[in-house]
């Protein structure tokens, strides 16, 4: 399914997208972590406190709510999702983690970064189509220009000379496109071997995969190794942040759910702000509130 993530209909082709999503982390000793995975520093104050503070200042009530209340998550299948989540944790522990260690042993950091650049370059068709559907014509032109330069001068995307020209790939996906046209997120889901998504983002992942020409040429191998947003290269990039999230969370399931929804809500809200200035589709409600 970026943004994270999974693809139920094409599950075998998207394995290794386990647990990729927005990541929140905290690894400091004086930290309290809520079940939602949000952490806050606990100050140590030796001075006596006459009365405990139980309510926020009314003048700051709105800010207080924003800080304490994470994005609303529609998770009617939580019980079954948690069962699948436990299975995915075992898969990560016994299969993906050793595979990732071998990948890092074989390829040094500069080489892994080059592979990620190639993956991003190959994902251009999906980016380009979604930019056009969202009315982001400037981003579409810049993404196309970056693709041409990096594919030729940059040796197929191993290098990014386009950055020196002020051009870069602007990522976009069909889940974002659907959200901008008012399609609700739907139920939160955990897919076996693939990880978190929503109904809307799952459909978006299927469409994005179908937009990739190399999917039909390389099939399973392309999705496993290079597919931007779901392939092994992205999993490797996010793995350390996932470990930090796991170490700092009382309830990893709730923490990952919150992180995923926050990440998607943030990316869609950014698109909505950009599109509103250009008069393109922007009427949908925030991602976490869509149904």
C-alpha atoms as a PDB file:
ATOM      1  CA  UNK A   1       0.000   0.000   0.000  1.00  0.00           C
ATOM      2  CA  UNK A   2       3.944   6.020   1.278  1.00  0.00           C
ATOM      3  CA  UNK A   3       2.551   6.212   1.397  1.00  0.00           C
ATOM      4  CA  UNK A   4       3.141   3.439   2.998  1.00  0.00           C
ATOM      5  CA  UNK A   5       1.785   1.130   1.625  1.00  0.00           C
ATOM      6  CA  UNK A   6      -0.198  -1.907   0.760  1.00  0.00           C
ATOM      7  CA  UNK A   7      -2.070  -3.287  -2.164  1.00  0.00           C
ATOM      8  CA  UNK A   8      -4.535  -6.026  -1.383  1.00  0.00           C
ATOM      9  CA  UNK A   9      -5.139  -7.025  -4.974  1.00  0.00           C
ATOM     10  CA  UNK A  10      -1.427  -7.062  -5.791  1.00  0.00           C
ATOM     11  CA  UNK A  11      -0.166  -8.235  -2.434  1.00  0.00           C
ATOM     12  CA  UNK A  12       2.603 -10.510  -3.732  1.00  0.00           C
ATOM     13  CA  UNK A  13       4.051  -7.647  -5.751  1.00  0.00           C
ATOM     14  CA  UNK A  14       4.172  -5.198  -2.885  1.00  0.00           C
ATOM     15  CA  UNK A  15       5.641  -7.296  -0.054  1.00  0.00           C
ATOM     16  CA  UNK A  16       8.215  -5.512   2.092  1.00  0.00           C
ATOM     17  CA  UNK A  17       6.108  -2.373   2.537  1.00  0.00           C
ATOM     18  CA  UNK A  18       5.512  -3.632   6.083  1.00  0.00           C
ATOM     19  CA  UNK A  19       5.034  -0.842   8.579  1.00  0.00           C
ATOM     20  CA  UNK A  20       6.134   2.023   6.259  1.00  0.00           C
ATOM     21  CA  UNK A  21       4.360   5.239   7.047  1.00  0.00           C
ATOM     22  CA  UNK A  22       4.741   8.475   8.910  1.00  0.00           C
ATOM     23  CA  UNK A  23       6.991   7.864  11.935  1.00  0.00           C
ATOM     24  CA  UNK A  24       6.939   9.531  15.340  1.00  0.00           C
ATOM     25  CA  UNK A  25       9.756   8.706  17.728  1.00  0.00           C
ATOM     26  CA  UNK A  26      11.179   9.637  21.096  1.00  0.00           C
ATOM     27  CA  UNK A  27      14.095   7.913  22.808  1.00  0.00           C
ATOM     28  CA  UNK A  28      14.904  10.067  25.813  1.00  0.00           C
ATOM     29  CA  UNK A  29      14.917   8.758  29.389  1.00  0.00           C
ATOM     30  CA  UNK A  30      12.576  11.392  30.820  1.00  0.00           C
ATOM     31  CA  UNK A  31       9.696  10.767  28.457  1.00  0.00           C
ATOM     32  CA  UNK A  32       6.129   9.670  28.990  1.00  0.00           C
ATOM     33  CA  UNK A  33       4.467   7.914  26.081  1.00  0.00           C
ATOM     34  CA  UNK A  34       0.717   7.781  25.586  1.00  0.00           C
ATOM     35  CA  UNK A  35      -1.037   4.750  24.072  1.00  0.00           C
ATOM     36  CA  UNK A  36      -1.469   6.788  20.894  1.00  0.00           C
ATOM     37  CA  UNK A  37       2.284   6.851  20.508  1.00  0.00           C
ATOM     38  CA  UNK A  38       2.642  10.554  21.261  1.00  0.00           C
ATOM     39  CA  UNK A  39       5.382  11.420  23.710  1.00  0.00           C
ATOM     40  CA  UNK A  40       5.860  14.379  25.977  1.00  0.00           C
ATOM     41  CA  UNK A  41       8.791  15.337  28.197  1.00  0.00           C
ATOM     42  CA  UNK A  42       8.044  15.096  31.916  1.00  0.00           C
ATOM     43  CA  UNK A  43       9.676  18.021  33.723  1.00  0.00           C
ATOM     44  CA  UNK A  44      11.308  17.369  37.075  1.00  0.00           C
ATOM     45  CA  UNK A  45      10.364  20.108  39.513  1.00  0.00           C
ATOM     46  CA  UNK A  46      11.504  19.838  43.120  1.00  0.00           C
ATOM     47  CA  UNK A  47       9.416  22.796  44.261  1.00  0.00           C
ATOM     48  CA  UNK A  48       6.137  21.952  46.062  1.00  0.00           C
ATOM     49  CA  UNK A  49       2.952  22.146  44.034  1.00  0.00           C
ATOM     50  CA  UNK A  50      -0.035  23.477  45.909  1.00  0.00           C
ATOM     51  CA  UNK A  51      -2.685  22.310  43.449  1.00  0.00           C
ATOM     52  CA  UNK A  52      -2.481  19.832  40.613  1.00  0.00           C
ATOM     53  CA  UNK A  53      -3.192  21.238  37.185  1.00  0.00           C
ATOM     54  CA  UNK A  54      -6.161  19.288  35.874  1.00  0.00           C
ATOM     55  CA  UNK A  55      -7.526  21.631  33.209  1.00  0.00           C
ATOM     56  CA  UNK A  56      -5.922  23.875  30.615  1.00  0.00           C
ATOM     57  CA  UNK A  57      -6.217  27.614  30.633  1.00  0.00           C
ATOM     58  CA  UNK A  58      -9.509  28.441  28.828  1.00  0.00           C
ATOM     59  CA  UNK A  59      -7.586  30.902  26.671  1.00  0.00           C
ATOM     60  CA  UNK A  60      -5.425  28.046  25.413  1.00  0.00           C
ATOM     61  CA  UNK A  61      -8.146  25.425  25.232  1.00  0.00           C
ATOM     62  CA  UNK A  62      -8.064  25.154  21.454  1.00  0.00           C
ATOM     63  CA  UNK A  63      -4.272  24.727  21.371  1.00  0.00           C
ATOM     64  CA  UNK A  64      -4.487  22.193  24.207  1.00  0.00           C
ATOM     65  CA  UNK A  65      -6.967  20.107  22.248  1.00  0.00           C
ATOM     66  CA  UNK A  66      -4.769  20.241  19.168  1.00  0.00           C
ATOM     67  CA  UNK A  67      -1.811  18.939  21.161  1.00  0.00           C
ATOM     68  CA  UNK A  68      -3.613  16.143  23.002  1.00  0.00           C
ATOM     69  CA  UNK A  69      -6.026  14.929  20.360  1.00  0.00           C
ATOM     70  CA  UNK A  70      -4.369  13.134  17.478  1.00  0.00           C
ATOM     71  CA  UNK A  71      -6.088  12.723  14.135  1.00  0.00           C
ATOM     72  CA  UNK A  72      -9.358  10.860  14.248  1.00  0.00           C
ATOM     73  CA  UNK A  73      -8.892   7.275  13.095  1.00  0.00           C
ATOM     74  CA  UNK A  74     -11.770   5.184  11.796  1.00  0.00           C
ATOM     75  CA  UNK A  75     -10.775   1.693  12.897  1.00  0.00           C
ATOM     76  CA  UNK A  76     -13.889  -0.513  13.142  1.00  0.00           C
ATOM     77  CA  UNK A  77     -11.782  -3.630  12.486  1.00  0.00           C
ATOM     78  CA  UNK A  78      -9.284  -3.033  15.276  1.00  0.00           C
ATOM     79  CA  UNK A  79      -9.524  -6.529  16.775  1.00  0.00           C
ATOM     80  CA  UNK A  80      -8.765  -8.314  13.528  1.00  0.00           C
ATOM     81  CA  UNK A  81      -6.232  -5.634  12.579  1.00  0.00           C
ATOM     82  CA  UNK A  82      -4.293  -6.330  15.781  1.00  0.00           C
ATOM     83  CA  UNK A  83      -4.151 -10.039  14.968  1.00  0.00           C
ATOM     84  CA  UNK A  84      -2.717  -9.302  11.533  1.00  0.00           C
ATOM     85  CA  UNK A  85      -0.368  -6.745  13.075  1.00  0.00           C
ATOM     86  CA  UNK A  86       1.071  -9.428  15.384  1.00  0.00           C
ATOM     87  CA  UNK A  87       1.623 -11.690  12.388  1.00  0.00           C
ATOM     88  CA  UNK A  88       3.427  -8.873  10.563  1.00  0.00           C
ATOM     89  CA  UNK A  89       5.677  -8.298  13.565  1.00  0.00           C
ATOM     90  CA  UNK A  90       6.712 -11.945  13.477  1.00  0.00           C
ATOM     91  CA  UNK A  91       7.349 -11.732   9.753  1.00  0.00           C
ATOM     92  CA  UNK A  92       9.524  -8.685  10.297  1.00  0.00           C
ATOM     93  CA  UNK A  93      11.481 -10.341  13.089  1.00  0.00           C
ATOM     94  CA  UNK A  94      12.186 -13.630  11.331  1.00  0.00           C
ATOM     95  CA  UNK A  95      12.369 -12.647   7.678  1.00  0.00           C
ATOM     96  CA  UNK A  96      12.509  -8.950   6.826  1.00  0.00           C
ATOM     97  CA  UNK A  97      14.976  -7.897   9.502  1.00  0.00           C
ATOM     98  CA  UNK A  98      17.641 -10.484   8.499  1.00  0.00           C
ATOM     99  CA  UNK A  99      17.051  -9.619   4.849  1.00  0.00           C
ATOM    100  CA  UNK A 100      17.527  -5.940   5.594  1.00  0.00           C
ATOM    101  CA  UNK A 101      20.760  -6.625   7.476  1.00  0.00           C
ATOM    102  CA  UNK A 102      22.090  -8.558   4.504  1.00  0.00           C
ATOM    103  CA  UNK A 103      21.134  -5.737   2.153  1.00  0.00           C
ATOM    104  CA  UNK A 104      22.975  -3.218   4.313  1.00  0.00           C
ATOM    105  CA  UNK A 105      26.004  -5.488   4.564  1.00  0.00           C
ATOM    106  CA  UNK A 106      26.246  -5.885   0.804  1.00  0.00           C
ATOM    107  CA  UNK A 107      25.582  -2.265  -0.138  1.00  0.00           C
ATOM    108  CA  UNK A 108      27.233   0.668   1.670  1.00  0.00           C
ATOM    109  CA  UNK A 109      25.194   3.776   2.453  1.00  0.00           C
ATOM    110  CA  UNK A 110      26.120   5.723  -0.743  1.00  0.00           C
ATOM    111  CA  UNK A 111      25.087   2.754  -2.884  1.00  0.00           C
ATOM    112  CA  UNK A 112      21.749   2.378  -1.074  1.00  0.00           C
ATOM    113  CA  UNK A 113      21.056   6.067  -1.595  1.00  0.00           C
ATOM    114  CA  UNK A 114      21.789   5.667  -5.303  1.00  0.00           C
ATOM    115  CA  UNK A 115      19.334   2.769  -5.483  1.00  0.00           C
ATOM    116  CA  UNK A 116      16.670   4.933  -3.824  1.00  0.00           C
ATOM    117  CA  UNK A 117      17.306   7.662  -6.388  1.00  0.00           C
ATOM    118  CA  UNK A 118      16.805   5.147  -9.185  1.00  0.00           C
ATOM    119  CA  UNK A 119      13.555   4.018  -7.559  1.00  0.00           C
ATOM    120  CA  UNK A 120      12.295   7.589  -7.362  1.00  0.00           C
ATOM    121  CA  UNK A 121      13.222   8.193 -10.983  1.00  0.00           C
ATOM    122  CA  UNK A 122      11.388   5.065 -12.132  1.00  0.00           C
ATOM    123  CA  UNK A 123       8.293   6.157 -10.232  1.00  0.00           C
ATOM    124  CA  UNK A 124       7.945   9.251 -12.437  1.00  0.00           C
ATOM    125  CA  UNK A 125       4.978   7.983 -14.534  1.00  0.00           C
ATOM    126  CA  UNK A 126       2.788   7.688 -11.442  1.00  0.00           C
ATOM    127  CA  UNK A 127       3.920  11.069 -10.115  1.00  0.00           C
ATOM    128  CA  UNK A 128       3.307  12.730 -13.457  1.00  0.00           C
ATOM    129  CA  UNK A 129      -0.203  11.350 -13.980  1.00  0.00           C
ATOM    130  CA  UNK A 130      -1.288  12.291 -10.467  1.00  0.00           C
ATOM    131  CA  UNK A 131       0.089  15.817 -10.797  1.00  0.00           C
ATOM    132  CA  UNK A 132      -1.960  16.266 -13.957  1.00  0.00           C
ATOM    133  CA  UNK A 133      -5.108  14.833 -12.331  1.00  0.00           C
ATOM    134  CA  UNK A 134      -4.632  17.222  -9.420  1.00  0.00           C
ATOM    135  CA  UNK A 135      -4.085  20.216 -11.699  1.00  0.00           C
ATOM    136  CA  UNK A 136      -0.477  20.646 -10.553  1.00  0.00           C
ATOM    137  CA  UNK A 137       0.885  21.524 -13.977  1.00  0.00           C
ATOM    138  CA  UNK A 138       4.025  23.264 -12.715  1.00  0.00           C
ATOM    139  CA  UNK A 139       4.954  20.261 -10.554  1.00  0.00           C
ATOM    140  CA  UNK A 140       4.211  17.964 -13.487  1.00  0.00           C
ATOM    141  CA  UNK A 141       6.546  19.928 -15.762  1.00  0.00           C
ATOM    142  CA  UNK A 142       9.310  20.018 -13.141  1.00  0.00           C
ATOM    143  CA  UNK A 143       8.978  16.293 -12.453  1.00  0.00           C
ATOM    144  CA  UNK A 144       9.134  15.488 -16.162  1.00  0.00           C
ATOM    145  CA  UNK A 145      12.182  17.734 -16.620  1.00  0.00           C
ATOM    146  CA  UNK A 146      13.938  16.115 -13.669  1.00  0.00           C
ATOM    147  CA  UNK A 147      13.188  12.676 -15.095  1.00  0.00           C
ATOM    148  CA  UNK A 148      14.675  13.522 -18.487  1.00  0.00           C
ATOM    149  CA  UNK A 149      17.831  15.066 -17.017  1.00  0.00           C
ATOM    150  CA  UNK A 150      18.422  12.352 -14.412  1.00  0.00           C
ATOM    151  CA  UNK A 151      17.732   9.529 -16.852  1.00  0.00           C
ATOM    152  CA  UNK A 152      20.234  10.860 -19.380  1.00  0.00           C
ATOM    153  CA  UNK A 153      22.978  12.829 -17.643  1.00  0.00           C
ATOM    154  CA  UNK A 154      22.335  11.122 -14.308  1.00  0.00           C
ATOM    155  CA  UNK A 155      22.850   7.588 -15.648  1.00  0.00           C
ATOM    156  CA  UNK A 156      19.313   6.340 -15.219  1.00  0.00           C
ATOM    157  CA  UNK A 157      18.761   8.168 -11.953  1.00  0.00           C
ATOM    158  CA  UNK A 158      21.840   7.005 -10.080  1.00  0.00           C
ATOM    159  CA  UNK A 159      22.654  10.704  -9.722  1.00  0.00           C
ATOM    160  CA  UNK A 160      20.415  13.776  -9.608  1.00  0.00           C
ATOM    161  CA  UNK A 161      22.007  16.551 -11.681  1.00  0.00           C
ATOM    162  CA  UNK A 162      18.507  18.047 -12.028  1.00  0.00           C
ATOM    163  CA  UNK A 163      18.813  19.402  -8.475  1.00  0.00           C
ATOM    164  CA  UNK A 164      21.591  21.710  -9.616  1.00  0.00           C
ATOM    165  CA  UNK A 165      19.166  23.056 -12.211  1.00  0.00           C
ATOM    166  CA  UNK A 166      16.487  23.631  -9.586  1.00  0.00           C
ATOM    167  CA  UNK A 167      14.340  20.689 -10.712  1.00  0.00           C
ATOM    168  CA  UNK A 168      13.329  17.767  -8.547  1.00  0.00           C
ATOM    169  CA  UNK A 169      10.832  14.948  -8.559  1.00  0.00           C
ATOM    170  CA  UNK A 170       7.668  16.005  -6.760  1.00  0.00           C
ATOM    171  CA  UNK A 171       6.055  12.847  -5.438  1.00  0.00           C
ATOM    172  CA  UNK A 172       2.308  12.319  -5.625  1.00  0.00           C
ATOM    173  CA  UNK A 173      -0.016   9.320  -5.481  1.00  0.00           C
ATOM    174  CA  UNK A 174      -3.522   8.343  -6.463  1.00  0.00           C
ATOM    175  CA  UNK A 175      -4.677   8.131  -2.843  1.00  0.00           C
ATOM    176  CA  UNK A 176      -3.976  11.851  -2.572  1.00  0.00           C
ATOM    177  CA  UNK A 177      -5.797  12.450  -5.856  1.00  0.00           C
ATOM    178  CA  UNK A 178      -8.894  10.638  -4.587  1.00  0.00           C
ATOM    179  CA  UNK A 179      -8.807  12.621  -1.336  1.00  0.00           C
ATOM    180  CA  UNK A 180      -8.645  15.937  -3.205  1.00  0.00           C
ATOM    181  CA  UNK A 181     -11.756  14.940  -5.126  1.00  0.00           C
ATOM    182  CA  UNK A 182     -13.614  14.263  -1.889  1.00  0.00           C
ATOM    183  CA  UNK A 183     -13.215  10.499  -1.488  1.00  0.00           C
ATOM    184  CA  UNK A 184     -13.179   9.509   2.166  1.00  0.00           C
ATOM    185  CA  UNK A 185     -10.340   7.524   3.697  1.00  0.00           C
ATOM    186  CA  UNK A 186     -12.553   4.651   4.770  1.00  0.00           C
ATOM    187  CA  UNK A 187     -11.637   2.080   7.439  1.00  0.00           C
ATOM    188  CA  UNK A 188      -8.058   1.727   8.640  1.00  0.00           C
ATOM    189  CA  UNK A 189      -6.640  -1.651   7.651  1.00  0.00           C
ATOM    190  CA  UNK A 190      -3.609  -3.810   8.373  1.00  0.00           C
ATOM    191  CA  UNK A 191      -2.844  -6.081   5.425  1.00  0.00           C
ATOM    192  CA  UNK A 192      -0.929  -9.334   6.002  1.00  0.00           C
ATOM    193  CA  UNK A 193       2.758  -8.935   5.080  1.00  0.00           C
ATOM    194  CA  UNK A 194       2.122  -5.411   3.838  1.00  0.00           C
ATOM    195  CA  UNK A 195       1.092  -3.235   6.760  1.00  0.00           C
ATOM    196  CA  UNK A 196      -1.134  -0.196   7.302  1.00  0.00           C
ATOM    197  CA  UNK A 197      -3.409   1.475   4.802  1.00  0.00           C
ATOM    198  CA  UNK A 198      -6.989   2.644   4.364  1.00  0.00           C
ATOM    199  CA  UNK A 199      -9.566   1.592   1.817  1.00  0.00           C
ATOM    200  CA  UNK A 200      -8.920   4.696  -0.268  1.00  0.00           C
ATOM    201  CA  UNK A 201      -5.126   4.425  -0.112  1.00  0.00           C
ATOM    202  CA  UNK A 202      -5.287   0.723  -0.910  1.00  0.00           C
ATOM    203  CA  UNK A 203      -7.187   1.441  -4.119  1.00  0.00           C
ATOM    204  CA  UNK A 204      -4.725   4.252  -4.800  1.00  0.00           C
ATOM    205  CA  UNK A 205      -1.790   1.871  -4.471  1.00  0.00           C
ATOM    206  CA  UNK A 206      -3.320  -0.513  -6.989  1.00  0.00           C
ATOM    207  CA  UNK A 207      -3.792   2.308  -9.504  1.00  0.00           C
ATOM    208  CA  UNK A 208      -0.267   3.654  -8.927  1.00  0.00           C
ATOM    209  CA  UNK A 209       1.172   0.203  -9.516  1.00  0.00           C
ATOM    210  CA  UNK A 210      -0.757  -0.141 -12.764  1.00  0.00           C
ATOM    211  CA  UNK A 211       0.704   3.188 -13.930  1.00  0.00           C
ATOM    212  CA  UNK A 212       4.258   1.858 -13.714  1.00  0.00           C
ATOM    213  CA  UNK A 213       5.429   0.534 -17.107  1.00  0.00           C
ATOM    214  CA  UNK A 214       8.178  -1.526 -15.485  1.00  0.00           C
ATOM    215  CA  UNK A 215       5.567  -3.394 -13.465  1.00  0.00           C
ATOM    216  CA  UNK A 216       4.623  -5.169 -16.692  1.00  0.00           C
ATOM    217  CA  UNK A 217       8.245  -5.747 -17.672  1.00  0.00           C
ATOM    218  CA  UNK A 218       9.885  -6.729 -14.380  1.00  0.00           C
ATOM    219  CA  UNK A 219       6.740  -7.626 -12.451  1.00  0.00           C
ATOM    220  CA  UNK A 220       7.461  -9.037  -9.005  1.00  0.00           C
ATOM    221  CA  UNK A 221      11.155  -8.078  -9.039  1.00  0.00           C
ATOM    222  CA  UNK A 222      10.489  -4.413  -9.727  1.00  0.00           C
ATOM    223  CA  UNK A 223       7.927  -4.104  -6.950  1.00  0.00           C
ATOM    224  CA  UNK A 224      10.145  -5.917  -4.474  1.00  0.00           C
ATOM    225  CA  UNK A 225      13.277  -3.906  -5.116  1.00  0.00           C
ATOM    226  CA  UNK A 226      12.522  -0.503  -6.557  1.00  0.00           C
ATOM    227  CA  UNK A 227       8.876   0.500  -6.414  1.00  0.00           C
ATOM    228  CA  UNK A 228       8.893   3.970  -4.849  1.00  0.00           C
ATOM    229  CA  UNK A 229       6.833   4.080  -1.676  1.00  0.00           C
ATOM    230  CA  UNK A 230       6.489   0.313  -1.297  1.00  0.00           C
ATOM    231  CA  UNK A 231       9.715  -1.400  -2.300  1.00  0.00           C
ATOM    232  CA  UNK A 232      12.536  -2.775  -0.216  1.00  0.00           C
ATOM    233  CA  UNK A 233      14.601   0.385  -0.669  1.00  0.00           C
ATOM    234  CA  UNK A 234      11.972   2.420   1.161  1.00  0.00           C
ATOM    235  CA  UNK A 235      11.537  -0.255   3.819  1.00  0.00           C
ATOM    236  CA  UNK A 236      15.270  -0.125   4.500  1.00  0.00           C
ATOM    237  CA  UNK A 237      15.166   3.667   4.760  1.00  0.00           C
ATOM    238  CA  UNK A 238      12.337   3.639   7.326  1.00  0.00           C
ATOM    239  CA  UNK A 239      13.383   0.614   9.380  1.00  0.00           C
ATOM    240  CA  UNK A 240      15.471   2.509  11.951  1.00  0.00           C
ATOM    241  CA  UNK A 241      12.650   4.979  12.593  1.00  0.00           C
ATOM    242  CA  UNK A 242      10.277   2.076  13.118  1.00  0.00           C
ATOM    243  CA  UNK A 243      12.631   0.584  15.683  1.00  0.00           C
ATOM    244  CA  UNK A 244      12.746   3.918  17.517  1.00  0.00           C
ATOM    245  CA  UNK A 245       8.950   4.114  17.457  1.00  0.00           C
ATOM    246  CA  UNK A 246       8.683   0.598  18.850  1.00  0.00           C
ATOM    247  CA  UNK A 247      11.154   1.341  21.650  1.00  0.00           C
ATOM    248  CA  UNK A 248       9.277   4.485  22.721  1.00  0.00           C
ATOM    249  CA  UNK A 249       5.688   3.215  22.490  1.00  0.00           C
ATOM    250  CA  UNK A 250       3.520   1.533  25.089  1.00  0.00           C
ATOM    251  CA  UNK A 251       1.138   0.361  22.362  1.00  0.00           C
ATOM    252  CA  UNK A 252       2.968  -0.004  19.042  1.00  0.00           C
ATOM    253  CA  UNK A 253      -0.224  -0.737  17.119  1.00  0.00           C
ATOM    254  CA  UNK A 254      -1.840   2.521  18.235  1.00  0.00           C
ATOM    255  CA  UNK A 255       1.400   4.439  17.727  1.00  0.00           C
ATOM    256  CA  UNK A 256       1.839   3.181  14.173  1.00  0.00           C
ATOM    257  CA  UNK A 257      -1.812   3.818  13.377  1.00  0.00           C
ATOM    258  CA  UNK A 258      -1.514   7.399  14.596  1.00  0.00           C
ATOM    259  CA  UNK A 259       1.763   7.895  12.723  1.00  0.00           C
ATOM    260  CA  UNK A 260       0.336   6.560   9.467  1.00  0.00           C
ATOM    261  CA  UNK A 261      -2.800   8.697   9.625  1.00  0.00           C
ATOM    262  CA  UNK A 262      -0.832  11.797  10.600  1.00  0.00           C
ATOM    263  CA  UNK A 263       1.538  11.265   7.688  1.00  0.00           C
ATOM    264  CA  UNK A 264      -1.273  10.826   5.175  1.00  0.00           C
ATOM    265  CA  UNK A 265      -3.283  13.715   6.594  1.00  0.00           C
ATOM    266  CA  UNK A 266      -0.238  15.971   6.404  1.00  0.00           C
ATOM    267  CA  UNK A 267       0.597  15.093   2.792  1.00  0.00           C
ATOM    268  CA  UNK A 268      -3.013  15.515   1.651  1.00  0.00           C
ATOM    269  CA  UNK A 269      -3.434  18.781   3.536  1.00  0.00           C
ATOM    270  CA  UNK A 270      -0.290  20.083   1.839  1.00  0.00           C
ATOM    271  CA  UNK A 271      -1.707  19.166  -1.565  1.00  0.00           C
ATOM    272  CA  UNK A 272      -5.002  20.806  -0.678  1.00  0.00           C
ATOM    273  CA  UNK A 273      -3.285  24.054   0.294  1.00  0.00           C
ATOM    274  CA  UNK A 274      -1.225  24.074  -2.891  1.00  0.00           C
ATOM    275  CA  UNK A 275      -4.233  23.333  -5.069  1.00  0.00           C
ATOM    276  CA  UNK A 276      -6.482  25.879  -3.388  1.00  0.00           C
ATOM    277  CA  UNK A 277      -4.159  28.660  -4.521  1.00  0.00           C
ATOM    278  CA  UNK A 278      -4.435  27.384  -8.094  1.00  0.00           C
ATOM    279  CA  UNK A 279      -8.197  26.887  -8.042  1.00  0.00           C
ATOM    280  CA  UNK A 280      -8.005  23.107  -8.472  1.00  0.00           C
ATOM    281  CA  UNK A 281      -9.883  20.404  -6.494  1.00  0.00           C
ATOM    282  CA  UNK A 282      -9.665  21.108  -2.765  1.00  0.00           C
ATOM    283  CA  UNK A 283     -13.096  20.560  -1.327  1.00  0.00           C
ATOM    284  CA  UNK A 284     -12.483  17.380   0.643  1.00  0.00           C
ATOM    285  CA  UNK A 285     -12.343  17.391   4.407  1.00  0.00           C
ATOM    286  CA  UNK A 286      -9.099  16.457   6.254  1.00  0.00           C
ATOM    287  CA  UNK A 287      -7.893  12.966   5.507  1.00  0.00           C
ATOM    288  CA  UNK A 288      -8.409  11.589   8.980  1.00  0.00           C
ATOM    289  CA  UNK A 289     -12.022  12.754   9.039  1.00  0.00           C
ATOM    290  CA  UNK A 290     -13.033  11.374   5.648  1.00  0.00           C
ATOM    291  CA  UNK A 291     -15.204   8.282   5.636  1.00  0.00           C
END
